[in-house]
PDB file of all heavy atoms in Angstrom:
ATOM      1  N   ARG A   1    -104.522  15.683 102.234  1.00  0.00           N
ATOM      2  CA  ARG A   1    -104.098  14.512 103.035  1.00  0.00           C
ATOM      3  C   ARG A   1    -103.872  14.959 104.487  1.00  0.00           C
ATOM      4  O   ARG A   1    -104.405  14.281 105.391  1.00  0.00           O
ATOM      5  CB  ARG A   1    -102.895  13.901 102.410  1.00  0.00           C
ATOM      6  CG  ARG A   1    -103.192  13.076 101.149  1.00  0.00           C
ATOM      7  CD  ARG A   1    -101.919  12.492 100.488  1.00  0.00           C
ATOM      8  NE  ARG A   1    -101.095  13.585  99.931  1.00  0.00           N
ATOM      9  CZ  ARG A   1     -99.937  13.405  99.329  1.00  0.00           C
ATOM     10  NH1 ARG A   1     -99.413  12.184  99.256  1.00  0.00           N
ATOM     11  NH2 ARG A   1     -99.241  14.452  98.896  1.00  0.00           N
ATOM     12  N   ALA A   2    -103.073  15.982 104.672  1.00  0.00           N
ATOM     13  CA  ALA A   2    -102.786  16.337 106.038  1.00  0.00           C
ATOM     14  C   ALA A   2    -104.005  16.871 106.725  1.00  0.00           C
ATOM     15  O   ALA A   2    -104.219  16.523 107.991  1.00  0.00           O
ATOM     16  CB  ALA A   2    -101.750  17.385 106.085  1.00  0.00           C
ATOM     17  N   GLU A   3    -104.796  17.698 106.107  1.00  0.00           N
ATOM     18  CA  GLU A   3    -106.080  18.225 106.663  1.00  0.00           C
ATOM     19  C   GLU A   3    -107.062  17.152 107.038  1.00  0.00           C
ATOM     20  O   GLU A   3    -107.659  17.146 108.069  1.00  0.00           O
ATOM     21  CB  GLU A   3    -106.655  19.293 105.721  1.00  0.00           C
ATOM     22  CG  GLU A   3    -105.823  20.480 105.470  1.00  0.00           C
ATOM     23  CD  GLU A   3    -104.792  20.329 104.349  1.00  0.00           C
ATOM     24  OE1 GLU A   3    -104.574  19.235 103.935  1.00  0.00           O
ATOM     25  OE2 GLU A   3    -104.300  21.406 103.883  1.00  0.00           O
ATOM     26  N   PHE A   4    -107.128  16.150 106.080  1.00  0.00           N
ATOM     27  CA  PHE A   4    -108.090  15.070 106.279  1.00  0.00           C
ATOM     28  C   PHE A   4    -107.694  14.208 107.530  1.00  0.00           C
ATOM     29  O   PHE A   4    -108.561  13.842 108.307  1.00  0.00           O
ATOM     30  CB  PHE A   4    -108.156  14.243 105.035  1.00  0.00           C
ATOM     31  CG  PHE A   4    -109.035  13.014 105.133  1.00  0.00           C
ATOM     32  CD1 PHE A   4    -110.445  13.138 104.968  1.00  0.00           C
ATOM     33  CD2 PHE A   4    -108.598  11.735 105.313  1.00  0.00           C
ATOM     34  CE1 PHE A   4    -111.310  12.098 105.050  1.00  0.00           C
ATOM     35  CE2 PHE A   4    -109.440  10.656 105.377  1.00  0.00           C
ATOM     36  CZ  PHE A   4    -110.787  10.762 105.302  1.00  0.00           C
ATOM     37  N   LYS A   5    -106.406  13.904 107.664  1.00  0.00           N
ATOM     38  CA  LYS A   5    -105.973  13.091 108.781  1.00  0.00           C
ATOM     39  C   LYS A   5    -106.234  13.879 110.070  1.00  0.00           C
ATOM     40  O   LYS A   5    -106.734  13.272 111.096  1.00  0.00           O
ATOM     41  CB  LYS A   5    -104.476  12.729 108.637  1.00  0.00           C
ATOM     42  CG  LYS A   5    -104.061  11.729 109.754  1.00  0.00           C
ATOM     43  CD  LYS A   5    -102.654  11.243 109.500  1.00  0.00           C
ATOM     44  CE  LYS A   5    -102.360  10.080 110.396  1.00  0.00           C
ATOM     45  NZ  LYS A   5    -102.526  10.372 111.859  1.00  0.00           N
ATOM     46  N   HIS A   6    -105.993  15.183 110.077  1.00  0.00           N
ATOM     47  CA  HIS A   6    -106.226  15.954 111.283  1.00  0.00           C
ATOM     48  C   HIS A   6    -107.687  16.067 111.620  1.00  0.00           C
ATOM     49  O   HIS A   6    -108.081  15.931 112.835  1.00  0.00           O
ATOM     50  CB  HIS A   6    -105.531  17.346 111.133  1.00  0.00           C
ATOM     51  CG  HIS A   6    -105.842  18.262 112.243  1.00  0.00           C
ATOM     52  ND1 HIS A   6    -105.250  18.187 113.493  1.00  0.00           N
ATOM     53  CD2 HIS A   6    -106.726  19.277 112.363  1.00  0.00           C
ATOM     54  CE1 HIS A   6    -105.696  19.123 114.326  1.00  0.00           C
ATOM     55  NE2 HIS A   6    -106.568  19.837 113.635  1.00  0.00           N
ATOM     56  N   ALA A   7    -108.556  16.266 110.625  1.00  0.00           N
ATOM     57  CA  ALA A   7    -109.955  16.567 110.857  1.00  0.00           C
ATOM     58  C   ALA A   7    -110.791  15.332 111.023  1.00  0.00           C
ATOM     59  O   ALA A   7    -111.858  15.319 111.705  1.00  0.00           O
ATOM     60  CB  ALA A   7    -110.501  17.488 109.793  1.00  0.00           C
ATOM     61  N   ILE A   8    -110.423  14.211 110.329  1.00  0.00           N
ATOM     62  CA  ILE A   8    -111.311  13.027 110.302  1.00  0.00           C
ATOM     63  C   ILE A   8    -110.574  11.808 110.957  1.00  0.00           C
ATOM     64  O   ILE A   8    -111.226  11.147 111.792  1.00  0.00           O
ATOM     65  CB  ILE A   8    -111.639  12.707 108.840  1.00  0.00           C
ATOM     66  CG1 ILE A   8    -112.304  13.920 108.163  1.00  0.00           C
ATOM     67  CG2 ILE A   8    -112.632  11.493 108.792  1.00  0.00           C
ATOM     68  CD1 ILE A   8    -113.540  14.409 108.782  1.00  0.00           C
ATOM     69  N   VAL A   9    -109.432  11.439 110.566  1.00  0.00           N
ATOM     70  CA  VAL A   9    -108.813  10.205 110.958  1.00  0.00           C
ATOM     71  C   VAL A   9    -108.380  10.267 112.467  1.00  0.00           C
ATOM     72  O   VAL A   9    -108.704   9.328 113.213  1.00  0.00           O
ATOM     73  CB  VAL A   9    -107.613   9.871 110.160  1.00  0.00           C
ATOM     74  CG1 VAL A   9    -106.967   8.533 110.607  1.00  0.00           C
ATOM     75  CG2 VAL A   9    -107.986   9.791 108.660  1.00  0.00           C
ATOM     76  N   ASP A  10    -107.774  11.386 112.871  1.00  0.00           N
ATOM     77  CA  ASP A  10    -107.320  11.416 114.256  1.00  0.00           C
ATOM     78  C   ASP A  10    -108.511  11.470 115.252  1.00  0.00           C
ATOM     79  O   ASP A  10    -108.433  10.706 116.259  1.00  0.00           O
ATOM     80  CB  ASP A  10    -106.399  12.607 114.515  1.00  0.00           C
ATOM     81  CG  ASP A  10    -105.107  12.504 113.809  1.00  0.00           C
ATOM     82  OD1 ASP A  10    -104.699  11.310 113.323  1.00  0.00           O
ATOM     83  OD2 ASP A  10    -104.370  13.527 113.593  1.00  0.00           O
ATOM     84  N   PRO A  11    -109.602  12.272 114.984  1.00  0.00           N
ATOM     85  CA  PRO A  11    -110.739  12.149 115.854  1.00  0.00           C
ATOM     86  C   PRO A  11    -111.418  10.798 115.864  1.00  0.00           C
ATOM     87  O   PRO A  11    -111.911  10.367 116.929  1.00  0.00           O
ATOM     88  CB  PRO A  11    -111.680  13.188 115.284  1.00  0.00           C
ATOM     89  CG  PRO A  11    -110.747  14.194 114.578  1.00  0.00           C
ATOM     90  CD  PRO A  11    -109.623  13.384 114.004  1.00  0.00           C
ATOM     91  N   PHE A  12    -111.366  10.057 114.764  1.00  0.00           N
ATOM     92  CA  PHE A  12    -111.912   8.667 114.665  1.00  0.00           C
ATOM     93  C   PHE A  12    -111.183   7.830 115.675  1.00  0.00           C
ATOM     94  O   PHE A  12    -111.756   7.080 116.437  1.00  0.00           O
ATOM     95  CB  PHE A  12    -111.650   8.200 113.269  1.00  0.00           C
ATOM     96  CG  PHE A  12    -112.015   6.744 113.017  1.00  0.00           C
ATOM     97  CD1 PHE A  12    -113.330   6.329 112.821  1.00  0.00           C
ATOM     98  CD2 PHE A  12    -111.021   5.777 113.045  1.00  0.00           C
ATOM     99  CE1 PHE A  12    -113.593   5.012 112.616  1.00  0.00           C
ATOM    100  CE2 PHE A  12    -111.243   4.478 112.826  1.00  0.00           C
ATOM    101  CZ  PHE A  12    -112.602   4.016 112.668  1.00  0.00           C
ATOM    102  N   THR A  13    -109.825   7.880 115.640  1.00  0.00           N
ATOM    103  CA  THR A  13    -109.032   7.089 116.607  1.00  0.00           C
ATOM    104  C   THR A  13    -109.221   7.448 118.063  1.00  0.00           C
ATOM    105  O   THR A  13    -109.467   6.638 118.869  1.00  0.00           O
ATOM    106  CB  THR A  13    -107.549   7.269 116.256  1.00  0.00           C
ATOM    107  OG1 THR A  13    -107.284   6.927 114.927  1.00  0.00           O
ATOM    108  CG2 THR A  13    -106.666   6.445 117.155  1.00  0.00           C
ATOM    109  N   ARG A  14    -109.325   8.766 118.311  1.00  0.00           N
ATOM    110  CA  ARG A  14    -109.538   9.205 119.728  1.00  0.00           C
ATOM    111  C   ARG A  14    -110.871   8.831 120.231  1.00  0.00           C
ATOM    112  O   ARG A  14    -111.069   8.496 121.392  1.00  0.00           O
ATOM    113  CB  ARG A  14    -109.342  10.708 119.819  1.00  0.00           C
ATOM    114  CG  ARG A  14    -107.880  11.231 119.579  1.00  0.00           C
ATOM    115  CD  ARG A  14    -107.702  12.691 119.988  1.00  0.00           C
ATOM    116  NE  ARG A  14    -108.590  13.569 119.221  1.00  0.00           N
ATOM    117  CZ  ARG A  14    -108.237  14.156 118.175  1.00  0.00           C
ATOM    118  NH1 ARG A  14    -107.046  13.977 117.632  1.00  0.00           N
ATOM    119  NH2 ARG A  14    -109.082  15.026 117.573  1.00  0.00           N
ATOM    120  N   ALA A  15    -111.894   8.848 119.351  1.00  0.00           N
ATOM    121  CA  ALA A  15    -113.237   8.542 119.788  1.00  0.00           C
ATOM    122  C   ALA A  15    -113.343   7.091 120.211  1.00  0.00           C
ATOM    123  O   ALA A  15    -113.941   6.717 121.216  1.00  0.00           O
ATOM    124  CB  ALA A  15    -114.258   8.784 118.642  1.00  0.00           C
ATOM    125  N   TYR A  16    -112.736   6.155 119.442  1.00  0.00           N
ATOM    126  CA  TYR A  16    -112.745   4.728 119.831  1.00  0.00           C
ATOM    127  C   TYR A  16    -111.951   4.524 121.163  1.00  0.00           C
ATOM    128  O   TYR A  16    -112.391   3.755 122.039  1.00  0.00           O
ATOM    129  CB  TYR A  16    -112.150   3.832 118.767  1.00  0.00           C
ATOM    130  CG  TYR A  16    -113.207   3.292 117.818  1.00  0.00           C
ATOM    131  CD1 TYR A  16    -113.315   3.774 116.489  1.00  0.00           C
ATOM    132  CD2 TYR A  16    -114.098   2.354 118.263  1.00  0.00           C
ATOM    133  CE1 TYR A  16    -114.253   3.230 115.653  1.00  0.00           C
ATOM    134  CE2 TYR A  16    -115.037   1.793 117.402  1.00  0.00           C
ATOM    135  CZ  TYR A  16    -115.190   2.246 116.117  1.00  0.00           C
ATOM    136  OH  TYR A  16    -116.121   1.714 115.283  1.00  0.00           O
ATOM    137  N   GLU A  17    -110.881   5.284 121.319  1.00  0.00           N
ATOM    138  CA  GLU A  17    -110.168   5.152 122.613  1.00  0.00           C
ATOM    139  C   GLU A  17    -111.020   5.666 123.775  1.00  0.00           C
ATOM    140  O   GLU A  17    -110.886   5.127 124.859  1.00  0.00           O
ATOM    141  CB  GLU A  17    -108.803   6.012 122.531  1.00  0.00           C
ATOM    142  CG  GLU A  17    -107.775   5.425 121.708  1.00  0.00           C
ATOM    143  CD  GLU A  17    -106.529   6.229 121.697  1.00  0.00           C
ATOM    144  OE1 GLU A  17    -106.534   7.465 121.324  1.00  0.00           O
ATOM    145  OE2 GLU A  17    -105.492   5.705 122.207  1.00  0.00           O
ATOM    146  N   ALA A  18    -111.902   6.543 123.485  1.00  0.00           N
ATOM    147  CA  ALA A  18    -112.769   7.138 124.548  1.00  0.00           C
ATOM    148  C   ALA A  18    -114.015   6.331 124.751  1.00  0.00           C
ATOM    149  O   ALA A  18    -114.874   6.651 125.605  1.00  0.00           O
ATOM    150  CB  ALA A  18    -113.121   8.535 124.223  1.00  0.00           C
ATOM    151  N   GLY A  19    -114.174   5.176 124.098  1.00  0.00           N
ATOM    152  CA  GLY A  19    -115.366   4.332 124.201  1.00  0.00           C
ATOM    153  C   GLY A  19    -116.506   4.794 123.376  1.00  0.00           C
ATOM    154  O   GLY A  19    -117.647   4.335 123.641  1.00  0.00           O
ATOM    155  N   GLU A  20    -116.325   5.551 122.307  1.00  0.00           N
ATOM    156  CA  GLU A  20    -117.438   5.962 121.471  1.00  0.00           C
ATOM    157  C   GLU A  20    -117.345   5.088 120.197  1.00  0.00           C
ATOM    158  O   GLU A  20    -116.393   4.411 119.899  1.00  0.00           O
ATOM    159  CB  GLU A  20    -117.303   7.447 121.070  1.00  0.00           C
ATOM    160  CG  GLU A  20    -117.453   8.314 122.329  1.00  0.00           C
ATOM    161  CD  GLU A  20    -117.378   9.756 121.959  1.00  0.00           C
ATOM    162  OE1 GLU A  20    -117.141  10.077 120.723  1.00  0.00           O
ATOM    163  OE2 GLU A  20    -117.524  10.568 122.807  1.00  0.00           O
ATOM    164  N   THR A  21    -118.403   5.134 119.352  1.00  0.00           N
ATOM    165  CA  THR A  21    -118.480   4.503 118.069  1.00  0.00           C
ATOM    166  C   THR A  21    -118.710   5.631 117.001  1.00  0.00           C
ATOM    167  O   THR A  21    -119.839   5.921 116.606  1.00  0.00           O
ATOM    168  CB  THR A  21    -119.633   3.504 118.013  1.00  0.00           C
ATOM    169  OG1 THR A  21    -119.448   2.566 119.068  1.00  0.00           O
ATOM    170  CG2 THR A  21    -119.604   2.746 116.720  1.00  0.00           C
ATOM    171  N   PRO A  22    -117.619   6.218 116.480  1.00  0.00           N
ATOM    172  CA  PRO A  22    -117.764   7.326 115.563  1.00  0.00           C
ATOM    173  C   PRO A  22    -118.198   6.985 114.144  1.00  0.00           C
ATOM    174  O   PRO A  22    -118.123   5.822 113.796  1.00  0.00           O
ATOM    175  CB  PRO A  22    -116.338   7.911 115.565  1.00  0.00           C
ATOM    176  CG  PRO A  22    -115.466   6.696 115.747  1.00  0.00           C
ATOM    177  CD  PRO A  22    -116.270   5.826 116.712  1.00  0.00           C
ATOM    178  N   ASN A  23    -118.700   8.038 113.494  1.00  0.00           N
ATOM    179  CA  ASN A  23    -118.991   7.827 112.074  1.00  0.00           C
ATOM    180  C   ASN A  23    -118.186   8.823 111.209  1.00  0.00           C
ATOM    181  O   ASN A  23    -118.617   9.970 111.055  1.00  0.00           O
ATOM    182  CB  ASN A  23    -120.540   8.107 111.881  1.00  0.00           C
ATOM    183  CG  ASN A  23    -120.985   7.778 110.450  1.00  0.00           C
ATOM    184  OD1 ASN A  23    -120.228   7.965 109.439  1.00  0.00           O
ATOM    185  ND2 ASN A  23    -122.254   7.323 110.319  1.00  0.00           N
ATOM    186  N   PRO A  24    -117.037   8.367 110.811  1.00  0.00           N
ATOM    187  CA  PRO A  24    -116.112   9.294 110.091  1.00  0.00           C
ATOM    188  C   PRO A  24    -116.708   9.791 108.776  1.00  0.00           C
ATOM    189  O   PRO A  24    -116.399  10.966 108.335  1.00  0.00           O
ATOM    190  CB  PRO A  24    -114.857   8.439 109.931  1.00  0.00           C
ATOM    191  CG  PRO A  24    -115.282   7.101 109.905  1.00  0.00           C
ATOM    192  CD  PRO A  24    -116.472   7.083 110.843  1.00  0.00           C
ATOM    193  N   CYS A  25    -117.478   8.939 108.097  1.00  0.00           N
ATOM    194  CA  CYS A  25    -118.025   9.405 106.805  1.00  0.00           C
ATOM    195  C   CYS A  25    -119.018  10.566 106.994  1.00  0.00           C
ATOM    196  O   CYS A  25    -119.075  11.416 106.143  1.00  0.00           O
ATOM    197  CB  CYS A  25    -118.713   8.214 106.085  1.00  0.00           C
ATOM    198  SG  CYS A  25    -117.569   6.818 105.737  1.00  0.00           S
ATOM    199  N   MET A  26    -119.727  10.508 108.057  1.00  0.00           N
ATOM    200  CA  MET A  26    -120.676  11.600 108.345  1.00  0.00           C
ATOM    201  C   MET A  26    -119.943  12.898 108.663  1.00  0.00           C
ATOM    202  O   MET A  26    -120.299  13.973 108.107  1.00  0.00           O
ATOM    203  CB  MET A  26    -121.534  11.197 109.625  1.00  0.00           C
ATOM    204  CG  MET A  26    -122.650  12.144 109.955  1.00  0.00           C
ATOM    205  SD  MET A  26    -124.118  11.586 109.117  1.00  0.00           S
ATOM    206  CE  MET A  26    -125.212  12.810 109.763  1.00  0.00           C
ATOM    207  N   ARG A  27    -118.869  12.795 109.356  1.00  0.00           N
ATOM    208  CA  ARG A  27    -118.095  14.000 109.709  1.00  0.00           C
ATOM    209  C   ARG A  27    -117.435  14.501 108.500  1.00  0.00           C
ATOM    210  O   ARG A  27    -117.379  15.741 108.256  1.00  0.00           O
ATOM    211  CB  ARG A  27    -117.020  13.586 110.741  1.00  0.00           C
ATOM    212  CG  ARG A  27    -116.203  14.722 111.276  1.00  0.00           C
ATOM    213  CD  ARG A  27    -115.152  14.219 112.204  1.00  0.00           C
ATOM    214  NE  ARG A  27    -114.460  15.353 112.932  1.00  0.00           N
ATOM    215  CZ  ARG A  27    -114.626  15.616 114.253  1.00  0.00           C
ATOM    216  NH1 ARG A  27    -115.490  14.990 114.844  1.00  0.00           N
ATOM    217  NH2 ARG A  27    -113.920  16.640 114.725  1.00  0.00           N
ATOM    218  N   CYS A  28    -116.993  13.629 107.566  1.00  0.00           N
ATOM    219  CA  CYS A  28    -116.309  14.063 106.324  1.00  0.00           C
ATOM    220  C   CYS A  28    -117.312  14.719 105.391  1.00  0.00           C
ATOM    221  O   CYS A  28    -117.106  15.866 104.982  1.00  0.00           O
ATOM    222  CB  CYS A  28    -115.673  12.830 105.658  1.00  0.00           C
ATOM    223  SG  CYS A  28    -114.909  13.203 104.051  1.00  0.00           S
ATOM    224  N   ASN A  29    -118.397  13.959 105.033  1.00  0.00           N
ATOM    225  CA  ASN A  29    -119.341  14.530 104.119  1.00  0.00           C
ATOM    226  C   ASN A  29    -120.074  15.763 104.623  1.00  0.00           C
ATOM    227  O   ASN A  29    -120.373  16.678 103.913  1.00  0.00           O
ATOM    228  CB  ASN A  29    -120.407  13.413 103.775  1.00  0.00           C
ATOM    229  CG  ASN A  29    -119.834  12.427 102.795  1.00  0.00           C
ATOM    230  OD1 ASN A  29    -119.782  12.714 101.618  1.00  0.00           O
ATOM    231  ND2 ASN A  29    -119.558  11.291 103.287  1.00  0.00           N
ATOM    232  N   GLY A  30    -120.394  15.698 105.974  1.00  0.00           N
ATOM    233  CA  GLY A  30    -121.228  16.765 106.471  1.00  0.00           C
ATOM    234  C   GLY A  30    -120.522  18.088 106.729  1.00  0.00           C
ATOM    235  O   GLY A  30    -121.155  19.129 106.785  1.00  0.00           O
ATOM    236  N   ALA A  31    -119.188  18.035 106.865  1.00  0.00           N
ATOM    237  CA  ALA A  31    -118.475  19.275 107.139  1.00  0.00           C
ATOM    238  C   ALA A  31    -117.215  19.403 106.292  1.00  0.00           C
ATOM    239  O   ALA A  31    -117.137  20.223 105.394  1.00  0.00           O
ATOM    240  CB  ALA A  31    -118.079  19.341 108.590  1.00  0.00           C
ATOM    241  N   PHE A  32    -116.279  18.532 106.514  1.00  0.00           N
ATOM    242  CA  PHE A  32    -114.944  18.696 105.907  1.00  0.00           C
ATOM    243  C   PHE A  32    -115.007  18.756 104.302  1.00  0.00           C
ATOM    244  O   PHE A  32    -114.586  19.693 103.698  1.00  0.00           O
ATOM    245  CB  PHE A  32    -114.036  17.518 106.337  1.00  0.00           C
ATOM    246  CG  PHE A  32    -112.671  17.498 105.748  1.00  0.00           C
ATOM    247  CD1 PHE A  32    -111.671  18.324 106.234  1.00  0.00           C
ATOM    248  CD2 PHE A  32    -112.399  16.809 104.536  1.00  0.00           C
ATOM    249  CE1 PHE A  32    -110.382  18.298 105.690  1.00  0.00           C
ATOM    250  CE2 PHE A  32    -111.178  16.779 103.959  1.00  0.00           C
ATOM    251  CZ  PHE A  32    -110.141  17.538 104.576  1.00  0.00           C
ATOM    252  N   ARG A  33    -115.559  17.772 103.781  1.00  0.00           N
ATOM    253  CA  ARG A  33    -115.602  17.664 102.317  1.00  0.00           C
ATOM    254  C   ARG A  33    -116.375  18.775 101.675  1.00  0.00           C
ATOM    255  O   ARG A  33    -115.945  19.404 100.727  1.00  0.00           O
ATOM    256  CB  ARG A  33    -116.209  16.320 101.920  1.00  0.00           C
ATOM    257  CG  ARG A  33    -116.113  15.968 100.388  1.00  0.00           C
ATOM    258  CD  ARG A  33    -116.734  14.607 100.114  1.00  0.00           C
ATOM    259  NE  ARG A  33    -116.074  13.537 100.825  1.00  0.00           N
ATOM    260  CZ  ARG A  33    -115.327  12.578 100.245  1.00  0.00           C
ATOM    261  NH1 ARG A  33    -115.055  12.706  99.011  1.00  0.00           N
ATOM    262  NH2 ARG A  33    -114.770  11.605 100.971  1.00  0.00           N
ATOM    263  N   PHE A  34    -117.558  19.116 102.150  1.00  0.00           N
ATOM    264  CA  PHE A  34    -118.467  20.130 101.510  1.00  0.00           C
ATOM    265  C   PHE A  34    -117.786  21.521 101.742  1.00  0.00           C
ATOM    266  O   PHE A  34    -117.890  22.365 100.841  1.00  0.00           O
ATOM    267  CB  PHE A  34    -119.838  20.047 102.001  1.00  0.00           C
ATOM    268  CG  PHE A  34    -120.698  19.257 101.090  1.00  0.00           C
ATOM    269  CD1 PHE A  34    -120.783  17.904 100.999  1.00  0.00           C
ATOM    270  CD2 PHE A  34    -121.535  19.960 100.170  1.00  0.00           C
ATOM    271  CE1 PHE A  34    -121.539  17.265 100.172  1.00  0.00           C
ATOM    272  CE2 PHE A  34    -122.322  19.335  99.244  1.00  0.00           C
ATOM    273  CZ  PHE A  34    -122.352  17.933  99.245  1.00  0.00           C
ATOM    274  N   ASP A  35    -117.246  21.753 102.918  1.00  0.00           N
ATOM    275  CA  ASP A  35    -116.593  23.063 103.107  1.00  0.00           C
ATOM    276  C   ASP A  35    -115.507  23.266 102.095  1.00  0.00           C
ATOM    277  O   ASP A  35    -115.371  24.346 101.482  1.00  0.00           O
ATOM    278  CB  ASP A  35    -115.999  23.128 104.533  1.00  0.00           C
ATOM    279  CG  ASP A  35    -117.051  23.251 105.582  1.00  0.00           C
ATOM    280  OD1 ASP A  35    -118.262  23.441 105.261  1.00  0.00           O
ATOM    281  OD2 ASP A  35    -116.715  23.109 106.792  1.00  0.00           O
ATOM    282  N   GLU A  36    -114.665  22.236 101.865  1.00  0.00           N
ATOM    283  CA  GLU A  36    -113.580  22.359 100.900  1.00  0.00           C
ATOM    284  C   GLU A  36    -114.069  22.481  99.426  1.00  0.00           C
ATOM    285  O   GLU A  36    -113.595  23.323  98.700  1.00  0.00           O
ATOM    286  CB  GLU A  36    -112.673  21.192 100.976  1.00  0.00           C
ATOM    287  CG  GLU A  36    -111.921  20.997 102.350  1.00  0.00           C
ATOM    288  CD  GLU A  36    -110.833  22.029 102.454  1.00  0.00           C
ATOM    289  OE1 GLU A  36    -110.492  22.724 101.478  1.00  0.00           O
ATOM    290  OE2 GLU A  36    -110.278  22.179 103.578  1.00  0.00           O
ATOM    291  N   LEU A  37    -115.105  21.766  99.146  1.00  0.00           N
ATOM    292  CA  LEU A  37    -115.666  21.714  97.742  1.00  0.00           C
ATOM    293  C   LEU A  37    -116.324  23.078  97.430  1.00  0.00           C
ATOM    294  O   LEU A  37    -116.189  23.594  96.373  1.00  0.00           O
ATOM    295  CB  LEU A  37    -116.589  20.598  97.538  1.00  0.00           C
ATOM    296  CG  LEU A  37    -115.966  19.159  97.498  1.00  0.00           C
ATOM    297  CD1 LEU A  37    -116.991  18.126  97.500  1.00  0.00           C
ATOM    298  CD2 LEU A  37    -115.095  19.068  96.268  1.00  0.00           C
ATOM    299  N   VAL A  38    -117.124  23.538  98.358  1.00  0.00           N
ATOM    300  CA  VAL A  38    -117.768  24.837  98.145  1.00  0.00           C
ATOM    301  C   VAL A  38    -116.821  25.983  98.034  1.00  0.00           C
ATOM    302  O   VAL A  38    -116.925  26.926  97.156  1.00  0.00           O
ATOM    303  CB  VAL A  38    -118.809  25.110  99.250  1.00  0.00           C
ATOM    304  CG1 VAL A  38    -119.380  26.539  99.163  1.00  0.00           C
ATOM    305  CG2 VAL A  38    -119.996  24.129  99.206  1.00  0.00           C
ATOM    306  N   ALA A  39    -115.742  25.907  98.867  1.00  0.00           N
ATOM    307  CA  ALA A  39    -114.689  26.931  98.805  1.00  0.00           C
ATOM    308  C   ALA A  39    -114.019  26.920  97.390  1.00  0.00           C
ATOM    309  O   ALA A  39    -113.686  27.940  96.837  1.00  0.00           O
ATOM    310  CB  ALA A  39    -113.680  26.782  99.857  1.00  0.00           C
TER     311      ALA A  39
END
């Protein structure tokens, strides 16, 4: 939970504040989730 919020949720919020349209599922599946699962 803590790692996910730091790696996925917080960047999602900051990206919208910066005028971007982020894709959190891509960031999660492409890096965070697979890194944890393979480990």
